[in-house]
């Protein structure tokens, strides 16, 4: 790569002002001695199209994705995880970073497990300085996480408990107010199976005789949600 070639970044977010901010901040500095060029896309289809074009021509150095992406001409939200998986397949050398409003442990750790990005930043913690620091860091193959994301990772690593994906989904959906009878819509278990899992989780957390609110509180304290 020539030093005269721009350092190419693709930012995908359905908030136009956010994209303008990223572009303004990042194109005002150089990365690895190269001028930064930021391409933008405001929905899933635009991002997918730019990734497919880049895979056949000049690849991006860094990809910045939001987790909630609208479909073109639709109010429906589309997960940025799928766009991230596509990018990993078509642009394997590009560094992938998610910038999202999601700050809960479950969502962050789920994304890290499913997509394995090179960084994660909670939007409320982004400023001009750390946005540029992130670009410098991941361009040198050093993962970058904002404070909340790093705390989520550390708390999860501190807990080596035998929880599977259904357990984590049960905890998460209870924490956001889902009723037990409705959990069958989110996990691959019967209602009886869900009740049994809840009892097992309370035993694991040593709160057998307490209610679901205590289960949620303990799961949050241990970093699972």
Protein backbone atom coordinates (compact mmCIF):
# COMPACT_ATOMS: atom_id res chain seq x y z
CA UNK A 1 0.00 0.00 0.00
CA UNK A 2 1.49 3.31 -1.09
CA UNK A 3 1.72 6.19 1.39
CA UNK A 4 -0.17 8.26 -1.18
CA UNK A 5 -3.15 5.91 -1.04
CA UNK A 6 -5.84 7.02 1.42
CA UNK A 7 -6.58 5.09 4.61
CA UNK A 8 -10.08 3.91 3.78
CA UNK A 9 -12.88 3.67 6.36
CA UNK A 10 -16.50 2.69 5.81
CA UNK A 11 -18.99 3.96 8.41
CA UNK A 12 -22.52 2.49 8.39
CA UNK A 13 -25.16 4.11 10.62
CA UNK A 14 -28.79 5.09 10.09
CA UNK A 15 -28.29 8.48 11.75
CA UNK A 16 -26.98 10.96 9.19
CA UNK A 17 -25.61 13.41 11.76
CA UNK A 18 -23.59 10.60 13.35
CA UNK A 19 -22.04 9.77 9.99
CA UNK A 20 -21.24 13.41 9.34
CA UNK A 21 -19.55 13.60 12.74
CA UNK A 22 -17.41 10.51 12.11
CA UNK A 23 -16.40 11.82 8.70
CA UNK A 24 -15.52 15.29 9.99
CA UNK A 25 -13.47 14.00 12.94
CA UNK A 26 -11.60 11.23 11.13
CA UNK A 27 -10.78 13.03 7.90
CA UNK A 28 -9.02 15.74 9.90
CA UNK A 29 -6.10 13.48 10.82
CA UNK A 30 -3.75 10.92 9.27
CA UNK A 31 -3.45 7.24 10.13
CA UNK A 32 -0.17 5.47 9.53
CA UNK A 33 1.03 8.50 7.58
CA UNK A 34 -1.91 8.32 5.16
CA UNK A 35 -4.81 10.71 4.76
CA UNK A 36 -8.06 9.24 6.01
CA UNK A 37 -11.02 8.91 3.67
CA UNK A 38 -14.41 8.00 5.16
CA UNK A 39 -17.15 6.51 2.99
CA UNK A 40 -20.62 6.45 4.54
CA UNK A 41 -23.76 4.34 4.23
CA UNK A 42 -27.04 5.04 5.99
CA UNK A 43 -28.75 1.64 5.84
CA UNK A 44 -28.04 -2.08 5.59
CA UNK A 45 -28.36 -2.33 1.80
CA UNK A 46 -26.02 0.60 1.16
CA UNK A 47 -23.44 -0.88 3.49
CA UNK A 48 -23.75 -4.32 1.89
CA UNK A 49 -23.33 -2.82 -1.58
CA UNK A 50 -20.18 -0.90 -0.63
CA UNK A 51 -18.68 -3.99 1.00
CA UNK A 52 -19.36 -6.11 -2.10
CA UNK A 53 -17.81 -3.48 -4.37
CA UNK A 54 -14.76 -3.15 -2.11
CA UNK A 55 -14.26 -6.92 -2.10
CA UNK A 56 -13.72 -6.77 -5.87
CA UNK A 57 -11.61 -3.61 -5.98
CA UNK A 58 -9.88 -1.68 -3.19
CA UNK A 59 -10.72 -3.00 0.27
CA UNK A 60 -11.43 -0.86 3.31
CA UNK A 61 -8.91 -0.68 6.15
CA UNK A 62 -11.54 -0.24 8.89
CA UNK A 63 -15.30 -0.81 9.05
CA UNK A 64 -17.40 1.08 11.61
CA UNK A 65 -20.90 -0.37 12.07
CA UNK A 66 -23.88 0.52 14.21
CA UNK A 67 -25.85 -2.43 15.58
CA UNK A 68 -29.28 -1.10 14.60
CA UNK A 69 -29.59 -0.55 10.86
CA UNK A 70 -32.78 0.32 9.00
CA UNK A 71 -33.64 -1.41 5.76
CA UNK A 72 -33.96 0.98 2.83
CA UNK A 73 -37.48 2.45 2.55
CA UNK A 74 -38.51 0.69 5.75
CA UNK A 75 -38.83 1.50 9.42
CA UNK A 76 -37.82 -2.03 10.37
CA UNK A 77 -34.51 -2.43 12.16
CA UNK A 78 -31.90 -4.85 10.89
CA UNK A 79 -29.08 -6.17 12.99
CA UNK A 80 -25.58 -4.92 12.25
CA UNK A 81 -24.32 -8.36 13.28
CA UNK A 82 -25.31 -9.81 9.91
CA UNK A 83 -23.50 -7.01 8.10
CA UNK A 84 -20.48 -7.69 10.28
CA UNK A 85 -20.53 -11.40 9.41
CA UNK A 86 -20.75 -10.55 5.71
CA UNK A 87 -17.84 -8.13 6.05
CA UNK A 88 -15.75 -10.78 7.82
CA UNK A 89 -16.35 -13.10 4.86
CA UNK A 90 -15.81 -10.64 2.01
CA UNK A 91 -13.20 -8.32 3.58
CA UNK A 92 -11.26 -10.57 5.98
CA UNK A 93 -8.31 -8.16 6.24
CA UNK A 94 -10.43 -5.17 7.25
CA UNK A 95 -10.70 -4.30 10.94
CA UNK A 96 -14.28 -4.30 12.23
CA UNK A 97 -15.49 -2.06 15.06
CA UNK A 98 -19.05 -1.64 16.35
CA UNK A 99 -20.21 1.74 17.69
CA UNK A 100 -23.57 1.36 19.39
CA UNK A 101 -25.93 2.72 22.02
CA UNK A 102 -26.13 -0.78 23.54
CA UNK A 103 -24.21 -0.83 26.81
CA UNK A 104 -25.53 -3.95 28.58
CA UNK A 105 -23.20 -6.86 29.28
CA UNK A 106 -25.36 -9.43 27.52
CA UNK A 107 -25.51 -7.56 24.21
CA UNK A 108 -21.81 -6.70 24.18
CA UNK A 109 -20.61 -10.19 25.06
CA UNK A 110 -23.08 -11.79 22.66
CA UNK A 111 -21.69 -9.68 19.83
CA UNK A 112 -18.10 -10.48 20.76
CA UNK A 113 -18.90 -14.19 20.73
CA UNK A 114 -20.90 -14.14 17.49
CA UNK A 115 -18.86 -11.77 15.33
CA UNK A 116 -15.50 -11.32 17.10
CA UNK A 117 -14.96 -7.67 16.09
CA UNK A 118 -11.74 -5.75 16.63
CA UNK A 119 -13.42 -3.23 18.89
CA UNK A 120 -16.62 -1.98 20.48
CA UNK A 121 -17.48 1.56 21.56
CA UNK A 122 -20.59 2.72 23.40
CA UNK A 123 -21.75 5.86 21.61
CA UNK A 124 -22.27 7.89 24.78
CA UNK A 125 -18.56 7.43 25.52
CA UNK A 126 -17.26 8.51 22.10
CA UNK A 127 -15.45 11.80 21.68
CA UNK A 128 -13.05 13.19 19.08
CA UNK A 129 -9.97 11.96 20.94
CA UNK A 130 -10.93 8.36 21.62
CA UNK A 131 -12.49 7.92 18.17
CA UNK A 132 -9.13 8.70 16.65
CA UNK A 133 -7.36 6.58 19.26
CA UNK A 134 -9.56 3.67 18.27
CA UNK A 135 -8.63 4.01 14.61
CA UNK A 136 -4.92 4.16 15.44
CA UNK A 137 -5.22 1.18 17.77
CA UNK A 138 -7.11 -1.24 15.52
CA UNK A 139 -5.05 -0.23 12.49
CA UNK A 140 -2.10 -1.68 14.44
CA UNK A 141 -4.08 -4.87 15.25
CA UNK A 142 -4.67 -3.80 18.86
CA UNK A 143 -8.33 -4.29 19.91
CA UNK A 144 -10.06 -1.20 21.27
CA UNK A 145 -13.00 -1.04 23.68
CA UNK A 146 -14.60 1.95 25.36
CA UNK A 147 -14.88 1.90 29.15
CA UNK A 148 -18.29 0.24 29.45
CA UNK A 149 -17.47 -2.43 26.86
CA UNK A 150 -14.18 -3.23 28.59
CA UNK A 151 -15.92 -3.53 31.96
CA UNK A 152 -18.47 -5.92 30.43
CA UNK A 153 -15.68 -8.11 29.10
CA UNK A 154 -13.78 -8.11 32.38
CA UNK A 155 -16.87 -8.94 34.44
CA UNK A 156 -17.81 -11.78 32.10
CA UNK A 157 -14.26 -13.23 32.20
CA UNK A 158 -14.39 -13.24 35.99
CA UNK A 159 -17.34 -15.65 35.94
CA UNK A 160 -16.59 -19.21 34.90
CA UNK A 161 -20.09 -20.61 35.44
CA UNK A 162 -21.76 -23.32 33.31
CA UNK A 163 -24.32 -21.10 31.58
CA UNK A 164 -25.37 -21.90 28.02
CA UNK A 165 -26.95 -19.60 25.44
CA UNK A 166 -30.51 -20.36 26.59
CA UNK A 167 -29.56 -19.48 30.18
CA UNK A 168 -28.14 -16.14 29.03
CA UNK A 169 -31.20 -15.39 26.92
CA UNK A 170 -33.52 -16.17 29.82
CA UNK A 171 -31.59 -13.80 32.09
CA UNK A 172 -31.47 -11.06 29.49
CA UNK A 173 -35.14 -11.16 28.55
CA UNK A 174 -36.23 -11.30 32.19
CA UNK A 175 -34.07 -8.23 32.82
CA UNK A 176 -35.87 -6.22 30.13
CA UNK A 177 -39.29 -7.09 31.49
CA UNK A 178 -40.31 -10.17 29.50
CA UNK A 179 -42.78 -12.36 31.42
CA UNK A 180 -41.78 -15.98 32.03
CA UNK A 181 -44.71 -17.28 29.95
CA UNK A 182 -43.46 -15.23 26.97
CA UNK A 183 -39.87 -16.52 27.14
CA UNK A 184 -40.88 -19.41 24.87
CA UNK A 185 -40.75 -16.84 22.03
CA UNK A 186 -37.05 -16.24 22.62
CA UNK A 187 -35.50 -19.55 23.72
CA UNK A 188 -35.71 -23.10 22.37
CA UNK A 189 -37.32 -24.53 25.50
CA UNK A 190 -40.84 -25.33 26.67
CA UNK A 191 -42.38 -23.31 29.49
CA UNK A 192 -41.65 -26.20 31.87
CA UNK A 193 -38.06 -26.27 30.64
CA UNK A 194 -37.73 -22.53 31.22
CA UNK A 195 -39.03 -22.82 34.77
CA UNK A 196 -36.52 -25.60 35.40
CA UNK A 197 -33.68 -23.48 34.01
CA UNK A 198 -34.66 -20.61 36.28
CA UNK A 199 -34.46 -22.93 39.28
CA UNK A 200 -31.05 -24.17 38.14
CA UNK A 201 -29.81 -20.61 37.70
CA UNK A 202 -30.90 -19.71 41.21
CA UNK A 203 -28.99 -22.73 42.52
CA UNK A 204 -25.90 -21.74 40.53
CA UNK A 205 -26.11 -18.18 41.91
CA UNK A 206 -26.83 -19.50 45.43
CA UNK A 207 -30.18 -17.69 45.72
CA UNK A 208 -32.51 -20.71 45.56
CA UNK A 209 -35.29 -19.31 47.76
CA UNK A 210 -35.40 -15.86 46.18
CA UNK A 211 -37.55 -14.41 43.39
CA UNK A 212 -36.85 -13.48 39.77
CA UNK A 213 -35.84 -9.92 40.71
CA UNK A 214 -33.10 -11.34 42.91
CA UNK A 215 -32.02 -13.59 40.03
CA UNK A 216 -31.80 -10.59 37.70
CA UNK A 217 -29.87 -8.56 40.27
CA UNK A 218 -27.37 -11.36 40.86
CA UNK A 219 -26.92 -12.01 37.13
CA UNK A 220 -26.28 -8.30 36.60
CA UNK A 221 -23.80 -8.19 39.49
CA UNK A 222 -21.90 -11.10 37.97
CA UNK A 223 -21.81 -9.47 34.54
CA UNK A 224 -24.18 -11.72 32.60
CA UNK A 225 -26.63 -8.93 31.77
